[in-house]
Amino acid sequence: PLDGGKASNQAVALARLGVPVRLLTVVGSD
């Protein structure tokens, strides 16, 4: 599913609440 670690989950939850949010994380090239 559309899912993440804690940081990316929290960032998306903030965005869904209409809050301006920056996410500093790492993803792979896949």
PDB file of all heavy atoms in Angstrom:
ATOM      1  N   PRO A   1       0.819  -1.213   0.000  1.00  0.00           N
ATOM      2  CA  PRO A   1       0.000   0.000   0.000  1.00  0.00           C
ATOM      3  C   PRO A   1       0.854   1.264   0.000  1.00  0.00           C
ATOM      4  O   PRO A   1       2.072   1.215   0.161  1.00  0.00           O
ATOM      5  CB  PRO A   1      -0.778  -0.119   1.312  1.00  0.00           C
ATOM      6  CG  PRO A   1       0.176  -0.857   2.205  1.00  0.00           C
ATOM      7  CD  PRO A   1       0.902  -1.832   1.315  1.00  0.00           C
ATOM      8  N   LEU A   2       0.198   2.408  -0.164  1.00  0.00           N
ATOM      9  CA  LEU A   2       0.873   3.673   0.036  1.00  0.00           C
ATOM     10  C   LEU A   2       1.188   3.785   1.515  1.00  0.00           C
ATOM     11  O   LEU A   2       0.301   3.888   2.357  1.00  0.00           O
ATOM     12  CB  LEU A   2      -0.030   4.832  -0.413  1.00  0.00           C
ATOM     13  CG  LEU A   2      -0.171   5.002  -1.922  1.00  0.00           C
ATOM     14  CD1 LEU A   2      -1.329   5.931  -2.249  1.00  0.00           C
ATOM     15  CD2 LEU A   2       1.129   5.542  -2.510  1.00  0.00           C
ATOM     16  N   ASP A   3       2.467   3.718   1.826  1.00  0.00           N
ATOM     17  CA  ASP A   3       2.861   3.567   3.215  1.00  0.00           C
ATOM     18  C   ASP A   3       4.292   4.044   3.348  1.00  0.00           C
ATOM     19  O   ASP A   3       4.970   4.298   2.358  1.00  0.00           O
ATOM     20  CB  ASP A   3       2.747   2.074   3.592  1.00  0.00           C
ATOM     21  CG  ASP A   3       2.849   1.842   5.076  1.00  0.00           C
ATOM     22  OD1 ASP A   3       2.859   2.834   5.832  1.00  0.00           O
ATOM     23  OD2 ASP A   3       2.939   0.681   5.483  1.00  0.00           O
ATOM     24  N   GLY A   4       4.750   4.182   4.576  1.00  0.00           N
ATOM     25  CA  GLY A   4       6.118   4.648   4.730  1.00  0.00           C
ATOM     26  C   GLY A   4       6.703   4.297   6.060  1.00  0.00           C
ATOM     27  O   GLY A   4       6.110   3.583   6.864  1.00  0.00           O
ATOM     28  N   GLY A   5       7.881   4.856   6.316  1.00  0.00           N
ATOM     29  CA  GLY A   5       8.427   4.834   7.659  1.00  0.00           C
ATOM     30  C   GLY A   5       7.699   5.884   8.485  1.00  0.00           C
ATOM     31  O   GLY A   5       6.779   6.567   8.006  1.00  0.00           O
ATOM     32  N   LYS A   6       8.116   6.041   9.728  1.00  0.00           N
ATOM     33  CA  LYS A   6       7.444   6.991  10.605  1.00  0.00           C
ATOM     34  C   LYS A   6       7.555   8.415  10.067  1.00  0.00           C
ATOM     35  O   LYS A   6       6.584   9.176  10.086  1.00  0.00           O
ATOM     36  CB  LYS A   6       8.016   6.896  12.016  1.00  0.00           C
ATOM     37  CG  LYS A   6       7.690   5.576  12.700  1.00  0.00           C
ATOM     38  CD  LYS A   6       8.235   5.525  14.105  1.00  0.00           C
ATOM     39  CE  LYS A   6       7.894   4.177  14.737  1.00  0.00           C
ATOM     40  NZ  LYS A   6       6.452   3.951  14.829  1.00  0.00           N
ATOM     41  N   ALA A   7       8.729   8.795   9.586  1.00  0.00           N
ATOM     42  CA  ALA A   7       8.910  10.164   9.113  1.00  0.00           C
ATOM     43  C   ALA A   7       8.016  10.478   7.920  1.00  0.00           C
ATOM     44  O   ALA A   7       7.326  11.503   7.897  1.00  0.00           O
ATOM     45  CB  ALA A   7      10.370  10.404   8.750  1.00  0.00           C
ATOM     46  N   SER A   8       8.006   9.596   6.923  1.00  0.00           N
ATOM     47  CA  SER A   8       7.199   9.884   5.741  1.00  0.00           C
ATOM     48  C   SER A   8       5.709   9.789   6.049  1.00  0.00           C
ATOM     49  O   SER A   8       4.898  10.570   5.527  1.00  0.00           O
ATOM     50  CB  SER A   8       7.582   8.969   4.577  1.00  0.00           C
ATOM     51  OG  SER A   8       7.715   7.628   4.976  1.00  0.00           O
ATOM     52  N   ASN A   9       5.314   8.861   6.933  1.00  0.00           N
ATOM     53  CA  ASN A   9       3.916   8.831   7.371  1.00  0.00           C
ATOM     54  C   ASN A   9       3.526  10.143   8.038  1.00  0.00           C
ATOM     55  O   ASN A   9       2.457  10.710   7.766  1.00  0.00           O
ATOM     56  CB  ASN A   9       3.694   7.685   8.361  1.00  0.00           C
ATOM     57  CG  ASN A   9       3.454   6.354   7.682  1.00  0.00           C
ATOM     58  OD1 ASN A   9       3.156   6.278   6.509  1.00  0.00           O
ATOM     59  ND2 ASN A   9       3.582   5.280   8.453  1.00  0.00           N
ATOM     60  N   GLN A  10       4.366  10.621   8.936  1.00  0.00           N
ATOM     61  CA  GLN A  10       4.052  11.849   9.655  1.00  0.00           C
ATOM     62  C   GLN A  10       3.992  13.051   8.716  1.00  0.00           C
ATOM     63  O   GLN A  10       3.123  13.926   8.854  1.00  0.00           O
ATOM     64  CB  GLN A  10       5.083  12.062  10.765  1.00  0.00           C
ATOM     65  CG  GLN A  10       4.946  11.041  11.887  1.00  0.00           C
ATOM     66  CD  GLN A  10       6.134  10.988  12.820  1.00  0.00           C
ATOM     67  OE1 GLN A  10       7.009  11.859  12.789  1.00  0.00           O
ATOM     68  NE2 GLN A  10       6.187   9.971  13.675  1.00  0.00           N
ATOM     69  N   ALA A  11       4.890  13.088   7.739  1.00  0.00           N
ATOM     70  CA  ALA A  11       4.875  14.195   6.787  1.00  0.00           C
ATOM     71  C   ALA A  11       3.592  14.203   5.958  1.00  0.00           C
ATOM     72  O   ALA A  11       2.972  15.252   5.745  1.00  0.00           O
ATOM     73  CB  ALA A  11       6.101  14.121   5.880  1.00  0.00           C
ATOM     74  N   VAL A  12       3.177  13.034   5.486  1.00  0.00           N
ATOM     75  CA  VAL A  12       1.943  12.952   4.703  1.00  0.00           C
ATOM     76  C   VAL A  12       0.734  13.307   5.565  1.00  0.00           C
ATOM     77  O   VAL A  12      -0.172  14.026   5.129  1.00  0.00           O
ATOM     78  CB  VAL A  12       1.782  11.551   4.079  1.00  0.00           C
ATOM     79  CG1 VAL A  12       0.389  11.362   3.495  1.00  0.00           C
ATOM     80  CG2 VAL A  12       2.838  11.345   2.995  1.00  0.00           C
ATOM     81  N   ALA A  13       0.721  12.830   6.804  1.00  0.00           N
ATOM     82  CA  ALA A  13      -0.388  13.166   7.705  1.00  0.00           C
ATOM     83  C   ALA A  13      -0.475  14.673   7.930  1.00  0.00           C
ATOM     84  O   ALA A  13      -1.574  15.246   7.974  1.00  0.00           O
ATOM     85  CB  ALA A  13      -0.225  12.433   9.031  1.00  0.00           C
ATOM     86  N   LEU A  14       0.648  15.335   8.057  1.00  0.00           N
ATOM     87  CA  LEU A  14       0.660  16.791   8.194  1.00  0.00           C
ATOM     88  C   LEU A  14       0.127  17.470   6.929  1.00  0.00           C
ATOM     89  O   LEU A  14      -0.674  18.409   7.004  1.00  0.00           O
ATOM     90  CB  LEU A  14       2.080  17.272   8.487  1.00  0.00           C
ATOM     91  CG  LEU A  14       2.528  17.161   9.941  1.00  0.00           C
ATOM     92  CD1 LEU A  14       4.040  17.068  10.050  1.00  0.00           C
ATOM     93  CD2 LEU A  14       2.013  18.361  10.735  1.00  0.00           C
ATOM     94  N   ALA A  15       0.569  16.987   5.782  1.00  0.00           N
ATOM     95  CA  ALA A  15       0.106  17.579   4.520  1.00  0.00           C
ATOM     96  C   ALA A  15      -1.403  17.422   4.363  1.00  0.00           C
ATOM     97  O   ALA A  15      -2.090  18.334   3.888  1.00  0.00           O
ATOM     98  CB  ALA A  15       0.838  16.945   3.345  1.00  0.00           C
ATOM     99  N   ARG A  16      -1.942  16.278   4.750  1.00  0.00           N
ATOM    100  CA  ARG A  16      -3.382  16.051   4.651  1.00  0.00           C
ATOM    101  C   ARG A  16      -4.168  16.974   5.590  1.00  0.00           C
ATOM    102  O   ARG A  16      -5.350  17.233   5.359  1.00  0.00           O
ATOM    103  CB  ARG A  16      -3.708  14.584   4.926  1.00  0.00           C
ATOM    104  CG  ARG A  16      -3.339  13.675   3.747  1.00  0.00           C
ATOM    105  CD  ARG A  16      -3.667  12.222   4.024  1.00  0.00           C
ATOM    106  NE  ARG A  16      -5.070  11.965   4.298  1.00  0.00           N
ATOM    107  CZ  ARG A  16      -6.020  11.827   3.360  1.00  0.00           C
ATOM    108  NH1 ARG A  16      -5.711  11.923   2.074  1.00  0.00           N
ATOM    109  NH2 ARG A  16      -7.261  11.570   3.707  1.00  0.00           N
ATOM    110  N   LEU A  17      -3.498  17.467   6.623  1.00  0.00           N
ATOM    111  CA  LEU A  17      -4.124  18.446   7.517  1.00  0.00           C
ATOM    112  C   LEU A  17      -3.956  19.882   7.006  1.00  0.00           C
ATOM    113  O   LEU A  17      -4.359  20.831   7.674  1.00  0.00           O
ATOM    114  CB  LEU A  17      -3.528  18.325   8.920  1.00  0.00           C
ATOM    115  CG  LEU A  17      -3.879  17.042   9.673  1.00  0.00           C
ATOM    116  CD1 LEU A  17      -3.052  16.931  10.947  1.00  0.00           C
ATOM    117  CD2 LEU A  17      -5.372  16.996   9.999  1.00  0.00           C
ATOM    118  N   GLY A  18      -3.331  20.027   5.845  1.00  0.00           N
ATOM    119  CA  GLY A  18      -3.162  21.347   5.254  1.00  0.00           C
ATOM    120  C   GLY A  18      -1.984  22.124   5.799  1.00  0.00           C
ATOM    121  O   GLY A  18      -1.897  23.342   5.614  1.00  0.00           O
ATOM    122  N   VAL A  19      -1.048  21.436   6.448  1.00  0.00           N
ATOM    123  CA  VAL A  19       0.101  22.096   7.061  1.00  0.00           C
ATOM    124  C   VAL A  19       1.278  22.089   6.091  1.00  0.00           C
ATOM    125  O   VAL A  19       1.594  21.040   5.513  1.00  0.00           O
ATOM    126  CB  VAL A  19       0.503  21.370   8.365  1.00  0.00           C
ATOM    127  CG1 VAL A  19       1.750  21.994   8.977  1.00  0.00           C
ATOM    128  CG2 VAL A  19      -0.651  21.404   9.359  1.00  0.00           C
ATOM    129  N   PRO A  20       1.957  23.227   5.891  1.00  0.00           N
ATOM    130  CA  PRO A  20       3.172  23.204   5.065  1.00  0.00           C
ATOM    131  C   PRO A  20       4.240  22.359   5.736  1.00  0.00           C
ATOM    132  O   PRO A  20       4.572  22.580   6.903  1.00  0.00           O
ATOM    133  CB  PRO A  20       3.576  24.677   4.971  1.00  0.00           C
ATOM    134  CG  PRO A  20       2.912  25.352   6.121  1.00  0.00           C
ATOM    135  CD  PRO A  20       1.661  24.584   6.399  1.00  0.00           C
ATOM    136  N   VAL A  21       4.769  21.383   4.994  1.00  0.00           N
ATOM    137  CA  VAL A  21       5.683  20.430   5.612  1.00  0.00           C
ATOM    138  C   VAL A  21       6.808  20.076   4.652  1.00  0.00           C
ATOM    139  O   VAL A  21       6.581  19.894   3.451  1.00  0.00           O
ATOM    140  CB  VAL A  21       4.922  19.156   6.065  1.00  0.00           C
ATOM    141  CG1 VAL A  21       4.122  18.537   4.930  1.00  0.00           C
ATOM    142  CG2 VAL A  21       5.869  18.123   6.674  1.00  0.00           C
ATOM    143  N   ARG A  22       8.018  20.010   5.193  1.00  0.00           N
ATOM    144  CA  ARG A  22       9.184  19.542   4.450  1.00  0.00           C
ATOM    145  C   ARG A  22       9.598  18.201   5.014  1.00  0.00           C
ATOM    146  O   ARG A  22       9.635  18.024   6.235  1.00  0.00           O
ATOM    147  CB  ARG A  22      10.353  20.519   4.587  1.00  0.00           C
ATOM    148  CG  ARG A  22      10.149  21.836   3.900  1.00  0.00           C
ATOM    149  CD  ARG A  22      11.367  22.736   4.044  1.00  0.00           C
ATOM    150  NE  ARG A  22      11.022  24.088   3.619  1.00  0.00           N
ATOM    151  CZ  ARG A  22      11.372  25.193   4.256  1.00  0.00           C
ATOM    152  NH1 ARG A  22      12.114  25.109   5.349  1.00  0.00           N
ATOM    153  NH2 ARG A  22      10.997  26.373   3.804  1.00  0.00           N
ATOM    154  N   LEU A  23       9.959  17.293   4.124  1.00  0.00           N
ATOM    155  CA  LEU A  23      10.431  15.973   4.521  1.00  0.00           C
ATOM    156  C   LEU A  23      11.877  15.804   4.084  1.00  0.00           C
ATOM    157  O   LEU A  23      12.191  15.934   2.901  1.00  0.00           O
ATOM    158  CB  LEU A  23       9.566  14.881   3.897  1.00  0.00           C
ATOM    159  CG  LEU A  23      10.036  13.437   4.104  1.00  0.00           C
ATOM    160  CD1 LEU A  23      10.049  13.073   5.589  1.00  0.00           C
ATOM    161  CD2 LEU A  23       9.159  12.470   3.317  1.00  0.00           C
ATOM    162  N   LEU A  24      12.747  15.528   5.047  1.00  0.00           N
ATOM    163  CA  LEU A  24      14.140  15.211   4.757  1.00  0.00           C
ATOM    164  C   LEU A  24      14.320  13.725   5.008  1.00  0.00           C
ATOM    165  O   LEU A  24      14.360  13.269   6.153  1.00  0.00           O
ATOM    166  CB  LEU A  24      15.091  16.017   5.655  1.00  0.00           C
ATOM    167  CG  LEU A  24      15.431  17.449   5.211  1.00  0.00           C
ATOM    168  CD1 LEU A  24      14.186  18.316   5.172  1.00  0.00           C
ATOM    169  CD2 LEU A  24      16.475  18.067   6.135  1.00  0.00           C
ATOM    170  N   THR A  25      14.412  12.954   3.916  1.00  0.00           N
ATOM    171  CA  THR A  25      14.523  11.512   4.027  1.00  0.00           C
ATOM    172  C   THR A  25      15.382  10.981   2.889  1.00  0.00           C
ATOM    173  O   THR A  25      15.911  11.757   2.083  1.00  0.00           O
ATOM    174  CB  THR A  25      13.124  10.858   4.027  1.00  0.00           C
ATOM    175  OG1 THR A  25      13.240   9.502   4.464  1.00  0.00           O
ATOM    176  CG2 THR A  25      12.473  10.884   2.650  1.00  0.00           C
ATOM    177  N   VAL A  26      15.523   9.662   2.831  1.00  0.00           N
ATOM    178  CA  VAL A  26      16.313   8.996   1.799  1.00  0.00           C
ATOM    179  C   VAL A  26      15.477   7.899   1.161  1.00  0.00           C
ATOM    180  O   VAL A  26      14.832   7.118   1.867  1.00  0.00           O
ATOM    181  CB  VAL A  26      17.594   8.376   2.390  1.00  0.00           C
ATOM    182  CG1 VAL A  26      18.391   7.643   1.312  1.00  0.00           C
ATOM    183  CG2 VAL A  26      18.462   9.443   3.035  1.00  0.00           C
ATOM    184  N   VAL A  27      15.484   7.843  -0.172  1.00  0.00           N
ATOM    185  CA  VAL A  27      14.852   6.737  -0.888  1.00  0.00           C
ATOM    186  C   VAL A  27      15.871   6.156  -1.866  1.00  0.00           C
ATOM    187  O   VAL A  27      16.870   6.794  -2.194  1.00  0.00           O
ATOM    188  CB  VAL A  27      13.585   7.163  -1.646  1.00  0.00           C
ATOM    189  CG1 VAL A  27      12.532   7.694  -0.691  1.00  0.00           C
ATOM    190  CG2 VAL A  27      13.915   8.195  -2.723  1.00  0.00           C
ATOM    191  N   GLY A  28      15.598   4.948  -2.351  1.00  0.00           N
ATOM    192  CA  GLY A  28      16.449   4.335  -3.362  1.00  0.00           C
ATOM    193  C   GLY A  28      16.120   4.831  -4.758  1.00  0.00           C
ATOM    194  O   GLY A  28      15.136   5.560  -4.975  1.00  0.00           O
ATOM    195  N   SER A  29      16.931   4.382  -5.707  1.00  0.00           N
ATOM    196  CA  SER A  29      16.765   4.803  -7.096  1.00  0.00           C
ATOM    197  C   SER A  29      15.788   3.915  -7.864  1.00  0.00           C
ATOM    198  O   SER A  29      15.649   4.046  -9.073  1.00  0.00           O
ATOM    199  CB  SER A  29      18.120   4.780  -7.804  1.00  0.00           C
ATOM    200  OG  SER A  29      18.708   3.480  -7.714  1.00  0.00           O
ATOM    201  N   ASP A  30      15.085   3.014  -7.166  1.00  0.00           N
ATOM    202  CA  ASP A  30      14.186   2.065  -7.814  1.00  0.00           C
ATOM    203  C   ASP A  30      12.783   2.626  -7.992  1.00  0.00           C
ATOM    204  O   ASP A  30      12.513   3.787  -7.664  1.00  0.00           O
ATOM    205  CB  ASP A  30      14.128   0.772  -6.981  1.00  0.00           C
ATOM    206  CG  ASP A  30      13.642   1.018  -5.554  1.00  0.00           C
ATOM    207  OD1 ASP A  30      13.539   2.200  -5.132  1.00  0.00           O
ATOM    208  OD2 ASP A  30      13.374   0.033  -4.847  1.00  0.00           O
TER     209      ASP A  30
END
